[in-house]
Amino acid sequence: MNKKKRNIIILIVVIVVIAILLAVFLSGGEKEAPVSQVETPIENEASETSSVKMEIPEEVTELPANEPEPEVYSFNSEEEEVREMTAEDLKQLAFAIAERYGSYSNEGNFGNISDLELYMTDEMKTWAKTYVETERAKPYTGEYYGMSTTALVGEVVSFEDDEAEVLVSTRRKEIKNNEENVFDQKITINFSKIGSEWKVSGAYWQ
């Protein structure tokens, strides 16, 4: 065997040995260590949830022992009949009377006066009837005339046991000859207490 062949054989042998060693090295390399699974006990969430009770405070509807119950007002017709009228009550009544007494027309048949007879003293009723009869006797001209009145503010000038006086400021609108005229005017209304009721004893435009 010549030198060239021998060198080839040696090279082949070396390659085979290297291949065998490489195969052994790869197959015998480090293996991943098995991971031991540690079982952690899982608590039963449902049991824990069920064991916890949510306490919701009840709404307190009862008042404290020392707290008086609020008084609820309810209208009682019998009590209203015997209730004493105050100065403010009388002022409100004067507002209504001033507006009705001061609103009329020559076609209204003097309803502004006859409607108020219920609130008049006997002397005032006598005056009202005489006044209405006198005005009705006058001939009708055929021309419309009307007046409307709105109460603005009032002042109780005096308020005694059986006499009172209220001053009411009003705004009036007069319609005459198809023209409107708006102006302010005050009226003094006198009251007299007849029994337990306050009656109108006089009404004077200023």
N, C-alpha and C. Protein backbone atom coordinates (compact mmCIF):
# COMPACT_ATOMS: atom_id res chain seq x y z
N MET A 1 0.87 -1.18 0.00
CA MET A 1 0.00 0.00 0.00
C MET A 1 0.90 1.22 0.00
N ASN A 2 0.57 2.15 -0.92
CA ASN A 2 1.43 3.32 -1.02
C ASN A 2 1.03 4.36 0.00
N LYS A 3 1.79 5.39 0.08
CA LYS A 3 1.58 6.44 1.10
C LYS A 3 0.31 7.22 0.90
N LYS A 4 -0.11 7.44 -0.34
CA LYS A 4 -1.30 8.24 -0.61
C LYS A 4 -2.56 7.55 -0.13
N LYS A 5 -2.69 6.23 -0.37
CA LYS A 5 -3.85 5.48 0.06
C LYS A 5 -3.95 5.44 1.58
N ARG A 6 -2.74 5.29 2.18
CA ARG A 6 -2.74 5.21 3.65
C ARG A 6 -3.26 6.51 4.25
N ASN A 7 -2.89 7.60 3.70
CA ASN A 7 -3.36 8.89 4.23
C ASN A 7 -4.87 9.06 4.08
N ILE A 8 -5.40 8.53 2.97
CA ILE A 8 -6.86 8.61 2.74
C ILE A 8 -7.60 7.80 3.78
N ILE A 9 -7.07 6.59 4.05
CA ILE A 9 -7.73 5.71 5.03
C ILE A 9 -7.71 6.35 6.42
N ILE A 10 -6.56 6.94 6.76
CA ILE A 10 -6.46 7.58 8.08
C ILE A 10 -7.45 8.74 8.19
N LEU A 11 -7.63 9.50 7.11
CA LEU A 11 -8.56 10.62 7.13
C LEU A 11 -10.00 10.16 7.30
N ILE A 12 -10.31 9.04 6.60
CA ILE A 12 -11.68 8.50 6.73
C ILE A 12 -11.94 8.06 8.15
N VAL A 13 -10.93 7.37 8.73
CA VAL A 13 -11.09 6.87 10.10
C VAL A 13 -11.31 8.03 11.07
N VAL A 14 -10.52 9.08 10.88
CA VAL A 14 -10.64 10.25 11.77
C VAL A 14 -12.03 10.87 11.67
N ILE A 15 -12.51 10.96 10.43
CA ILE A 15 -13.86 11.55 10.23
C ILE A 15 -14.93 10.72 10.91
N VAL A 16 -14.79 9.36 10.74
CA VAL A 16 -15.79 8.47 11.38
C VAL A 16 -15.75 8.61 12.89
N VAL A 17 -14.52 8.67 13.45
CA VAL A 17 -14.40 8.80 14.91
C VAL A 17 -15.02 10.10 15.40
N ILE A 18 -14.73 11.18 14.64
CA ILE A 18 -15.31 12.48 15.04
C ILE A 18 -16.84 12.45 14.98
N ALA A 19 -17.35 11.78 13.93
CA ALA A 19 -18.81 11.68 13.81
C ALA A 19 -19.41 10.91 14.96
N ILE A 20 -18.72 9.79 15.35
CA ILE A 20 -19.23 8.98 16.46
C ILE A 20 -19.20 9.77 17.77
N LEU A 21 -18.09 10.48 18.00
CA LEU A 21 -17.99 11.27 19.24
C LEU A 21 -19.04 12.40 19.29
N LEU A 22 -19.25 13.02 18.11
CA LEU A 22 -20.25 14.09 18.07
C LEU A 22 -21.65 13.56 18.35
N ALA A 23 -21.93 12.36 17.80
CA ALA A 23 -23.25 11.76 18.03
C ALA A 23 -23.44 11.42 19.50
N VAL A 24 -22.35 10.85 20.09
CA VAL A 24 -22.45 10.50 21.52
C VAL A 24 -22.63 11.74 22.37
N PHE A 25 -21.91 12.81 22.00
CA PHE A 25 -21.97 14.05 22.78
C PHE A 25 -23.37 14.67 22.72
N LEU A 26 -23.97 14.67 21.52
CA LEU A 26 -25.31 15.26 21.37
C LEU A 26 -26.37 14.44 22.08
N SER A 27 -26.25 13.13 22.00
CA SER A 27 -27.28 12.28 22.62
C SER A 27 -27.11 12.21 24.13
N GLY A 28 -25.91 12.43 24.61
CA GLY A 28 -25.67 12.33 26.04
C GLY A 28 -25.57 13.66 26.73
N GLY A 29 -26.05 14.74 26.06
CA GLY A 29 -25.99 16.09 26.65
C GLY A 29 -26.90 16.23 27.85
N GLU A 30 -26.85 17.42 28.39
CA GLU A 30 -27.67 17.66 29.59
C GLU A 30 -29.15 17.57 29.27
N LYS A 31 -29.89 16.89 30.10
CA LYS A 31 -31.34 16.80 30.00
C LYS A 31 -31.97 17.73 31.01
N GLU A 32 -33.10 18.26 30.59
CA GLU A 32 -33.81 19.17 31.50
C GLU A 32 -34.28 18.40 32.71
N ALA A 33 -33.95 18.95 33.84
CA ALA A 33 -34.37 18.30 35.08
C ALA A 33 -35.87 18.34 35.19
N PRO A 34 -36.45 17.23 35.54
CA PRO A 34 -37.93 17.21 35.66
C PRO A 34 -38.38 18.16 36.75
N VAL A 35 -39.36 18.91 36.39
CA VAL A 35 -39.92 19.88 37.35
C VAL A 35 -40.96 19.18 38.18
N SER A 36 -40.69 19.16 39.46
CA SER A 36 -41.64 18.52 40.37
C SER A 36 -42.82 19.45 40.59
N GLN A 37 -43.95 18.98 40.35
CA GLN A 37 -45.17 19.78 40.50
C GLN A 37 -45.66 19.70 41.93
N VAL A 38 -45.64 20.84 42.52
CA VAL A 38 -46.11 20.91 43.90
C VAL A 38 -47.57 21.33 43.88
N GLU A 39 -48.39 20.50 44.31
CA GLU A 39 -49.83 20.80 44.31
C GLU A 39 -50.16 21.72 45.48
N THR A 40 -50.66 22.87 45.10
CA THR A 40 -51.09 23.84 46.12
C THR A 40 -52.59 23.70 46.30
N PRO A 41 -52.99 23.41 47.47
CA PRO A 41 -54.45 23.25 47.67
C PRO A 41 -55.18 24.55 47.36
N ILE A 42 -56.18 24.45 46.53
CA ILE A 42 -57.00 25.61 46.16
C ILE A 42 -58.25 25.60 47.02
N GLU A 43 -58.37 26.67 47.73
CA GLU A 43 -59.54 26.74 48.61
C GLU A 43 -60.80 26.93 47.80
N ASN A 44 -61.82 26.43 48.28
CA ASN A 44 -63.10 26.51 47.59
C ASN A 44 -63.65 27.92 47.73
N GLU A 45 -63.54 28.66 46.59
CA GLU A 45 -63.99 30.05 46.64
C GLU A 45 -65.48 30.14 46.92
N ALA A 46 -66.20 29.18 46.39
CA ALA A 46 -67.65 29.22 46.58
C ALA A 46 -68.01 29.08 48.04
N SER A 47 -67.24 28.16 48.73
CA SER A 47 -67.55 27.97 50.14
C SER A 47 -67.22 29.21 50.94
N GLU A 48 -66.06 29.87 50.54
CA GLU A 48 -65.70 31.08 51.26
C GLU A 48 -66.73 32.17 51.04
N THR A 49 -67.19 32.29 49.78
CA THR A 49 -68.17 33.33 49.46
C THR A 49 -69.46 33.10 50.22
N SER A 50 -69.85 31.81 50.27
CA SER A 50 -71.11 31.53 50.94
C SER A 50 -71.00 31.72 52.44
N SER A 51 -69.76 31.61 52.95
CA SER A 51 -69.61 31.73 54.40
C SER A 51 -69.61 33.18 54.85
N VAL A 52 -69.42 34.13 53.89
CA VAL A 52 -69.40 35.55 54.24
C VAL A 52 -70.77 36.14 54.00
N LYS A 53 -71.38 36.67 54.98
CA LYS A 53 -72.72 37.24 54.87
C LYS A 53 -72.61 38.76 54.80
N MET A 54 -73.26 39.32 53.78
CA MET A 54 -73.29 40.77 53.62
C MET A 54 -74.46 41.32 54.42
N GLU A 55 -74.14 42.04 55.41
CA GLU A 55 -75.18 42.60 56.26
C GLU A 55 -75.49 44.02 55.79
N ILE A 56 -76.73 44.26 55.30
CA ILE A 56 -77.16 45.57 54.82
C ILE A 56 -78.01 46.21 55.92
N PRO A 57 -77.60 47.37 56.38
CA PRO A 57 -78.38 47.99 57.47
C PRO A 57 -79.78 48.34 57.00
N GLU A 58 -80.75 48.05 57.82
CA GLU A 58 -82.14 48.36 57.50
C GLU A 58 -82.39 49.86 57.62
N GLU A 59 -83.27 50.34 56.75
CA GLU A 59 -83.61 51.76 56.76
C GLU A 59 -84.39 52.10 58.03
N VAL A 60 -83.97 53.14 58.67
CA VAL A 60 -84.62 53.54 59.92
C VAL A 60 -85.81 54.43 59.59
N THR A 61 -86.99 53.98 59.91
CA THR A 61 -88.20 54.74 59.62
C THR A 61 -88.81 55.35 60.88
N GLU A 62 -88.36 54.90 62.01
CA GLU A 62 -88.91 55.42 63.24
C GLU A 62 -88.14 56.65 63.69
N LEU A 63 -88.87 57.62 64.20
CA LEU A 63 -88.24 58.83 64.71
C LEU A 63 -87.61 58.55 66.07
N PRO A 64 -86.56 59.29 66.42
CA PRO A 64 -86.00 59.12 67.77
C PRO A 64 -87.06 59.31 68.84
N ALA A 65 -86.79 58.74 69.98
CA ALA A 65 -87.80 58.74 71.04
C ALA A 65 -88.20 60.15 71.45
N ASN A 66 -87.25 61.10 71.45
CA ASN A 66 -87.54 62.45 71.92
C ASN A 66 -87.95 63.40 70.79
N GLU A 67 -88.02 62.90 69.56
CA GLU A 67 -88.34 63.74 68.41
C GLU A 67 -89.84 63.71 68.17
N PRO A 68 -90.53 64.85 68.24
CA PRO A 68 -91.98 64.85 68.01
C PRO A 68 -92.30 64.62 66.55
N GLU A 69 -93.41 63.95 66.28
CA GLU A 69 -93.81 63.70 64.91
C GLU A 69 -94.25 65.02 64.26
N PRO A 70 -93.87 65.22 62.97
CA PRO A 70 -94.27 66.46 62.29
C PRO A 70 -95.78 66.55 62.15
N GLU A 71 -96.30 67.75 62.34
CA GLU A 71 -97.74 67.96 62.25
C GLU A 71 -98.13 68.24 60.80
N VAL A 72 -99.03 67.45 60.27
CA VAL A 72 -99.49 67.60 58.89
C VAL A 72 -100.81 68.36 58.91
N TYR A 73 -100.82 69.51 58.20
CA TYR A 73 -102.03 70.33 58.18
C TYR A 73 -103.04 69.76 57.21
N SER A 74 -104.27 69.69 57.65
CA SER A 74 -105.37 69.28 56.79
C SER A 74 -106.52 70.26 56.99
N PHE A 75 -107.14 70.65 55.88
CA PHE A 75 -108.21 71.64 55.94
C PHE A 75 -109.41 71.06 56.66
N ASN A 76 -109.90 71.84 57.61
CA ASN A 76 -111.08 71.44 58.37
C ASN A 76 -112.08 72.58 58.29
N SER A 77 -113.19 72.35 57.61
CA SER A 77 -114.17 73.41 57.40
C SER A 77 -114.76 73.92 58.71
N GLU A 78 -114.97 73.02 59.67
CA GLU A 78 -115.54 73.44 60.95
C GLU A 78 -114.57 74.34 61.72
N GLU A 79 -113.29 73.98 61.68
CA GLU A 79 -112.30 74.81 62.37
C GLU A 79 -112.13 76.16 61.67
N GLU A 80 -112.24 76.17 60.34
CA GLU A 80 -112.09 77.42 59.61
C GLU A 80 -113.24 78.38 59.92
N GLU A 81 -114.42 77.83 60.18
CA GLU A 81 -115.56 78.68 60.47
C GLU A 81 -115.39 79.43 61.79
N VAL A 82 -114.74 78.81 62.75
CA VAL A 82 -114.59 79.43 64.07
C VAL A 82 -113.23 80.11 64.22
N ARG A 83 -112.34 79.95 63.22
CA ARG A 83 -111.02 80.55 63.31
C ARG A 83 -111.12 82.06 63.19
N GLU A 84 -110.42 82.77 64.04
CA GLU A 84 -110.43 84.22 64.01
C GLU A 84 -109.66 84.72 62.79
N MET A 85 -110.26 85.68 62.08
CA MET A 85 -109.60 86.25 60.92
C MET A 85 -108.48 87.19 61.36
N THR A 86 -107.34 87.06 60.74
CA THR A 86 -106.19 87.90 61.07
C THR A 86 -106.17 89.13 60.16
N ALA A 87 -105.23 90.03 60.45
CA ALA A 87 -105.09 91.22 59.63
C ALA A 87 -104.68 90.84 58.20
N GLU A 88 -103.84 89.83 58.06
CA GLU A 88 -103.44 89.38 56.73
C GLU A 88 -104.63 88.79 55.97
N ASP A 89 -105.46 88.03 56.67
CA ASP A 89 -106.67 87.49 56.03
C ASP A 89 -107.55 88.62 55.52
N LEU A 90 -107.69 89.66 56.32
CA LEU A 90 -108.55 90.78 55.94
C LEU A 90 -107.96 91.53 54.74
N LYS A 91 -106.65 91.62 54.69
CA LYS A 91 -106.01 92.29 53.54
C LYS A 91 -106.26 91.51 52.26
N GLN A 92 -106.17 90.19 52.32
CA GLN A 92 -106.44 89.37 51.14
C GLN A 92 -107.90 89.50 50.71
N LEU A 93 -108.80 89.59 51.67
CA LEU A 93 -110.21 89.79 51.35
C LEU A 93 -110.41 91.15 50.69
N ALA A 94 -109.71 92.18 51.17
CA ALA A 94 -109.80 93.52 50.58
C ALA A 94 -109.31 93.51 49.13
N PHE A 95 -108.26 92.73 48.83
CA PHE A 95 -107.78 92.60 47.45
C PHE A 95 -108.91 92.12 46.55
N ALA A 96 -109.57 91.04 46.95
CA ALA A 96 -110.63 90.45 46.13
C ALA A 96 -111.81 91.42 45.95
N ILE A 97 -112.15 92.12 47.02
CA ILE A 97 -113.27 93.05 46.95
C ILE A 97 -112.92 94.23 46.04
N ALA A 98 -111.70 94.74 46.16
CA ALA A 98 -111.29 95.88 45.33
C ALA A 98 -111.34 95.51 43.85
N GLU A 99 -110.89 94.33 43.51
CA GLU A 99 -110.88 93.92 42.11
C GLU A 99 -112.29 93.73 41.57
N ARG A 100 -113.16 93.09 42.37
CA ARG A 100 -114.54 92.87 41.88
C ARG A 100 -115.33 94.17 41.87
N TYR A 101 -115.19 94.97 42.88
CA TYR A 101 -115.93 96.23 42.97
C TYR A 101 -115.49 97.20 41.87
N GLY A 102 -114.22 97.14 41.49
CA GLY A 102 -113.69 98.06 40.50
C GLY A 102 -113.70 97.56 39.08
N SER A 103 -114.32 96.40 38.83
CA SER A 103 -114.39 95.85 37.47
C SER A 103 -115.85 95.74 37.04
N TYR A 104 -116.22 96.49 36.01
CA TYR A 104 -117.61 96.55 35.59
C TYR A 104 -117.70 97.12 34.18
N SER A 105 -118.90 97.09 33.63
CA SER A 105 -119.19 97.73 32.35
C SER A 105 -120.65 98.15 32.35
N ASN A 106 -121.00 99.00 31.38
CA ASN A 106 -122.40 99.42 31.32
C ASN A 106 -123.29 98.34 30.71
N GLU A 107 -122.71 97.18 30.41
CA GLU A 107 -123.49 96.04 29.94
C GLU A 107 -123.51 94.92 30.98
N GLY A 108 -122.89 95.14 32.12
CA GLY A 108 -122.77 94.09 33.13
C GLY A 108 -123.87 94.09 34.16
N ASN A 109 -124.82 95.00 34.04
CA ASN A 109 -125.98 95.05 34.94
C ASN A 109 -125.56 95.17 36.41
N PHE A 110 -124.45 95.88 36.64
CA PHE A 110 -123.97 96.19 38.00
C PHE A 110 -123.70 94.94 38.84
N GLY A 111 -123.21 93.92 38.14
CA GLY A 111 -122.86 92.69 38.86
C GLY A 111 -121.71 92.88 39.83
N ASN A 112 -120.89 93.89 39.57
CA ASN A 112 -119.76 94.14 40.47
C ASN A 112 -120.22 94.54 41.87
N ILE A 113 -121.44 95.05 41.96
CA ILE A 113 -121.97 95.46 43.27
C ILE A 113 -122.85 94.37 43.86
N SER A 114 -123.75 93.83 43.03
CA SER A 114 -124.67 92.80 43.55
C SER A 114 -123.92 91.55 43.99
N ASP A 115 -122.80 91.24 43.34
CA ASP A 115 -122.03 90.05 43.73
C ASP A 115 -121.38 90.19 45.11
N LEU A 116 -121.23 91.43 45.57
CA LEU A 116 -120.55 91.68 46.84
C LEU A 116 -121.52 91.89 48.01
N GLU A 117 -122.80 91.80 47.76
CA GLU A 117 -123.77 92.04 48.85
C GLU A 117 -123.57 91.07 50.01
N LEU A 118 -123.09 89.88 49.71
CA LEU A 118 -122.86 88.89 50.77
C LEU A 118 -121.83 89.38 51.77
N TYR A 119 -120.94 90.26 51.34
CA TYR A 119 -119.85 90.74 52.20
C TYR A 119 -120.14 92.13 52.79
N MET A 120 -121.33 92.64 52.59
CA MET A 120 -121.65 94.00 53.03
C MET A 120 -122.42 94.01 54.33
N THR A 121 -122.24 95.09 55.08
CA THR A 121 -123.11 95.33 56.25
C THR A 121 -124.49 95.73 55.74
N ASP A 122 -125.46 95.76 56.62
CA ASP A 122 -126.82 96.14 56.21
C ASP A 122 -126.85 97.56 55.65
N GLU A 123 -126.09 98.47 56.28
CA GLU A 123 -126.05 99.85 55.80
C GLU A 123 -125.43 99.92 54.40
N MET A 124 -124.39 99.13 54.17
CA MET A 124 -123.75 99.11 52.85
C MET A 124 -124.69 98.51 51.80
N LYS A 125 -125.44 97.52 52.19
CA LYS A 125 -126.41 96.93 51.26
C LYS A 125 -127.46 97.96 50.85
N THR A 126 -127.93 98.75 51.81
CA THR A 126 -128.92 99.79 51.51
C THR A 126 -128.35 100.80 50.51
N TRP A 127 -127.12 101.22 50.75
CA TRP A 127 -126.49 102.14 49.81
C TRP A 127 -126.36 101.53 48.43
N ALA A 128 -125.94 100.26 48.37
CA ALA A 128 -125.72 99.58 47.09
C ALA A 128 -127.01 99.49 46.29
N LYS A 129 -128.10 99.15 46.94
CA LYS A 129 -129.37 99.02 46.23
C LYS A 129 -129.83 100.37 45.68
N THR A 130 -129.68 101.41 46.48
CA THR A 130 -130.07 102.75 46.03
C THR A 130 -129.21 103.19 44.85
N TYR A 131 -127.94 102.93 44.92
CA TYR A 131 -127.02 103.32 43.85
C TYR A 131 -127.36 102.59 42.55
N VAL A 132 -127.59 101.29 42.64
CA VAL A 132 -127.90 100.50 41.44
C VAL A 132 -129.20 100.98 40.81
N GLU A 133 -130.22 101.24 41.62
CA GLU A 133 -131.50 101.71 41.08
C GLU A 133 -131.34 103.06 40.38
N THR A 134 -130.55 103.93 40.94
CA THR A 134 -130.33 105.24 40.33
C THR A 134 -129.61 105.12 39.00
N GLU A 135 -128.59 104.28 38.95
CA GLU A 135 -127.82 104.11 37.72
C GLU A 135 -128.61 103.41 36.63
N ARG A 136 -129.45 102.46 37.03
CA ARG A 136 -130.26 101.75 36.04
C ARG A 136 -131.31 102.67 35.42
N ALA A 137 -131.70 103.67 36.14
CA ALA A 137 -132.71 104.60 35.62
C ALA A 137 -132.16 105.52 34.54
N LYS A 138 -130.84 105.61 34.47
CA LYS A 138 -130.23 106.48 33.45
C LYS A 138 -130.34 105.82 32.07
N PRO A 139 -130.60 106.63 31.03
CA PRO A 139 -130.73 106.04 29.69
C PRO A 139 -129.40 105.48 29.19
N TYR A 140 -129.51 104.41 28.42
CA TYR A 140 -128.32 103.77 27.84
C TYR A 140 -127.97 104.47 26.54
N THR A 141 -126.74 104.92 26.43
CA THR A 141 -126.31 105.68 25.26
C THR A 141 -125.94 104.79 24.08
N GLY A 142 -125.77 103.51 24.33
CA GLY A 142 -125.38 102.60 23.27
C GLY A 142 -123.87 102.53 23.06
N GLU A 143 -123.15 103.36 23.77
CA GLU A 143 -121.69 103.36 23.67
C GLU A 143 -121.10 102.52 24.81
N TYR A 144 -120.24 101.58 24.44
CA TYR A 144 -119.68 100.67 25.46
C TYR A 144 -118.71 101.43 26.36
N TYR A 145 -118.82 101.09 27.65
CA TYR A 145 -117.88 101.62 28.63
C TYR A 145 -117.55 100.49 29.60
N GLY A 146 -116.26 100.29 29.86
CA GLY A 146 -115.86 99.22 30.77
C GLY A 146 -114.64 99.60 31.58
N MET A 147 -114.51 98.94 32.72
CA MET A 147 -113.38 99.18 33.62
C MET A 147 -112.96 97.85 34.24
N SER A 148 -111.66 97.58 34.22
CA SER A 148 -111.12 96.39 34.89
C SER A 148 -110.08 96.84 35.90
N THR A 149 -110.00 96.12 37.01
CA THR A 149 -109.14 96.53 38.13
C THR A 149 -108.33 95.35 38.62
N THR A 150 -107.05 95.59 38.86
CA THR A 150 -106.16 94.57 39.42
C THR A 150 -105.50 95.13 40.68
N ALA A 151 -105.62 94.38 41.79
CA ALA A 151 -104.99 94.79 43.04
C ALA A 151 -103.49 94.55 42.99
N LEU A 152 -102.72 95.52 43.42
CA LEU A 152 -101.26 95.41 43.40
C LEU A 152 -100.69 95.14 44.79
N VAL A 153 -100.87 96.08 45.70
CA VAL A 153 -100.38 95.93 47.07
C VAL A 153 -101.44 96.46 48.01
N GLY A 154 -101.30 96.07 49.27
CA GLY A 154 -102.26 96.52 50.27
C GLY A 154 -101.59 96.84 51.59
N GLU A 155 -102.27 97.64 52.37
CA GLU A 155 -101.76 98.02 53.69
C GLU A 155 -102.91 98.03 54.68
N VAL A 156 -102.73 97.33 55.79
CA VAL A 156 -103.74 97.35 56.84
C VAL A 156 -103.49 98.61 57.68
N VAL A 157 -104.34 99.61 57.48
CA VAL A 157 -104.17 100.88 58.18
C VAL A 157 -104.51 100.74 59.65
N SER A 158 -105.57 100.02 59.93
CA SER A 158 -105.97 99.79 61.33
C SER A 158 -106.67 98.45 61.43
N PHE A 159 -106.51 97.83 62.59
CA PHE A 159 -107.15 96.52 62.83
C PHE A 159 -107.51 96.43 64.31
N GLU A 160 -108.75 96.79 64.61
CA GLU A 160 -109.23 96.77 65.99
C GLU A 160 -110.13 95.57 66.22
N ASP A 161 -110.73 95.52 67.39
CA ASP A 161 -111.58 94.38 67.73
C ASP A 161 -112.77 94.26 66.80
N ASP A 162 -113.39 95.38 66.44
CA ASP A 162 -114.60 95.32 65.61
C ASP A 162 -114.57 96.28 64.42
N GLU A 163 -113.46 96.95 64.20
CA GLU A 163 -113.32 97.86 63.06
C GLU A 163 -111.94 97.68 62.43
N ALA A 164 -111.88 97.84 61.11
CA ALA A 164 -110.60 97.72 60.41
C ALA A 164 -110.65 98.55 59.13
N GLU A 165 -109.46 98.93 58.68
CA GLU A 165 -109.35 99.71 57.45
C GLU A 165 -108.16 99.22 56.65
N VAL A 166 -108.39 98.99 55.36
CA VAL A 166 -107.33 98.49 54.48
C VAL A 166 -107.24 99.42 53.27
N LEU A 167 -106.01 99.81 52.95
CA LEU A 167 -105.76 100.65 51.78
C LEU A 167 -105.14 99.76 50.69
N VAL A 168 -105.80 99.72 49.52
CA VAL A 168 -105.36 98.86 48.43
C VAL A 168 -104.96 99.73 47.24
N SER A 169 -103.76 99.48 46.72
CA SER A 169 -103.31 100.15 45.50
C SER A 169 -103.65 99.26 44.31
N THR A 170 -104.30 99.84 43.29
CA THR A 170 -104.75 99.06 42.15
C THR A 170 -104.26 99.67 40.84
N ARG A 171 -104.33 98.86 39.81
CA ARG A 171 -104.10 99.34 38.44
C ARG A 171 -105.38 99.11 37.65
N ARG A 172 -105.87 100.19 37.03
CA ARG A 172 -107.17 100.12 36.37
C ARG A 172 -107.02 100.41 34.87
N LYS A 173 -107.85 99.71 34.09
CA LYS A 173 -107.87 99.94 32.65
C LYS A 173 -109.28 100.33 32.24
N GLU A 174 -109.40 101.53 31.69
CA GLU A 174 -110.69 102.07 31.28
C GLU A 174 -110.81 101.99 29.76
N ILE A 175 -111.96 101.51 29.29
CA ILE A 175 -112.24 101.45 27.85
C ILE A 175 -113.42 102.38 27.58
N LYS A 176 -113.14 103.40 26.81
CA LYS A 176 -114.16 104.40 26.49
C LYS A 176 -113.89 104.94 25.09
N ASN A 177 -114.97 104.99 24.27
CA ASN A 177 -114.84 105.44 22.88
C ASN A 177 -113.79 104.62 22.13
N ASN A 178 -113.78 103.31 22.44
CA ASN A 178 -112.85 102.37 21.79
C ASN A 178 -111.38 102.71 22.07
N GLU A 179 -111.14 103.43 23.12
CA GLU A 179 -109.78 103.77 23.51
C GLU A 179 -109.51 103.26 24.93
N GLU A 180 -108.28 102.84 25.17
CA GLU A 180 -107.90 102.33 26.49
C GLU A 180 -107.08 103.37 27.24
N ASN A 181 -107.34 103.41 28.53
CA ASN A 181 -106.60 104.32 29.41
C ASN A 181 -106.24 103.55 30.67
N VAL A 182 -104.95 103.41 30.91
CA VAL A 182 -104.47 102.67 32.08
C VAL A 182 -103.93 103.66 33.11
N PHE A 183 -104.34 103.47 34.35
CA PHE A 183 -103.90 104.37 35.41
C PHE A 183 -103.93 103.64 36.75
N ASP A 184 -103.22 104.17 37.73
CA ASP A 184 -103.20 103.62 39.09
C ASP A 184 -104.13 104.42 39.98
N GLN A 185 -104.79 103.69 40.88
CA GLN A 185 -105.73 104.35 41.80
C GLN A 185 -105.82 103.54 43.09
N LYS A 186 -105.97 104.24 44.20
CA LYS A 186 -106.09 103.59 45.50
C LYS A 186 -107.54 103.60 45.95
N ILE A 187 -107.87 102.61 46.76
CA ILE A 187 -109.21 102.52 47.33
C ILE A 187 -109.10 102.15 48.80
N THR A 188 -109.86 102.83 49.63
CA THR A 188 -109.92 102.52 51.06
C THR A 188 -111.17 101.69 51.32
N ILE A 189 -110.98 100.55 51.95
CA ILE A 189 -112.10 99.66 52.27
C ILE A 189 -112.20 99.54 53.78
N ASN A 190 -113.36 99.87 54.31
CA ASN A 190 -113.62 99.79 55.75
C ASN A 190 -114.38 98.51 56.06
N PHE A 191 -114.02 97.91 57.16
CA PHE A 191 -114.67 96.68 57.61
C PHE A 191 -115.25 96.87 59.00
N SER A 192 -116.38 96.21 59.24
CA SER A 192 -116.97 96.16 60.58
C SER A 192 -117.22 94.69 60.92
N LYS A 193 -116.94 94.34 62.17
CA LYS A 193 -117.15 92.96 62.60
C LYS A 193 -118.56 92.81 63.12
N ILE A 194 -119.34 92.01 62.42
CA ILE A 194 -120.73 91.75 62.80
C ILE A 194 -120.81 90.31 63.29
N GLY A 195 -120.95 90.15 64.61
CA GLY A 195 -120.91 88.82 65.18
C GLY A 195 -119.49 88.28 65.06
N SER A 196 -119.31 87.20 64.31
CA SER A 196 -117.98 86.62 64.11
C SER A 196 -117.46 86.88 62.69
N GLU A 197 -118.18 87.66 61.89
CA GLU A 197 -117.80 87.89 60.50
C GLU A 197 -117.44 89.35 60.26
N TRP A 198 -116.48 89.54 59.38
CA TRP A 198 -116.09 90.87 58.97
C TRP A 198 -116.86 91.24 57.70
N LYS A 199 -117.52 92.41 57.74
CA LYS A 199 -118.33 92.88 56.62
C LYS A 199 -117.81 94.23 56.13
N VAL A 200 -118.01 94.49 54.83
CA VAL A 200 -117.60 95.77 54.26
C VAL A 200 -118.61 96.83 54.65
N SER A 201 -118.13 97.89 55.25
CA SER A 201 -118.99 99.00 55.65
C SER A 201 -118.78 100.24 54.80
N GLY A 202 -117.75 100.23 53.94
CA GLY A 202 -117.52 101.37 53.08
C GLY A 202 -116.38 101.10 52.10
N ALA A 203 -116.46 101.72 50.91
CA ALA A 203 -115.42 101.58 49.91
C ALA A 203 -115.30 102.92 49.19
N TYR A 204 -114.10 103.52 49.22
CA TYR A 204 -113.93 104.88 48.73
C TYR A 204 -112.70 104.96 47.81
N TRP A 205 -112.96 105.30 46.54
CA TRP A 205 -111.86 105.50 45.61
C TRP A 205 -111.19 106.84 45.88
N GLN A 206 -109.89 106.88 45.77
CA GLN A 206 -109.14 108.11 46.03
C GLN A 206 -108.63 108.72 44.71
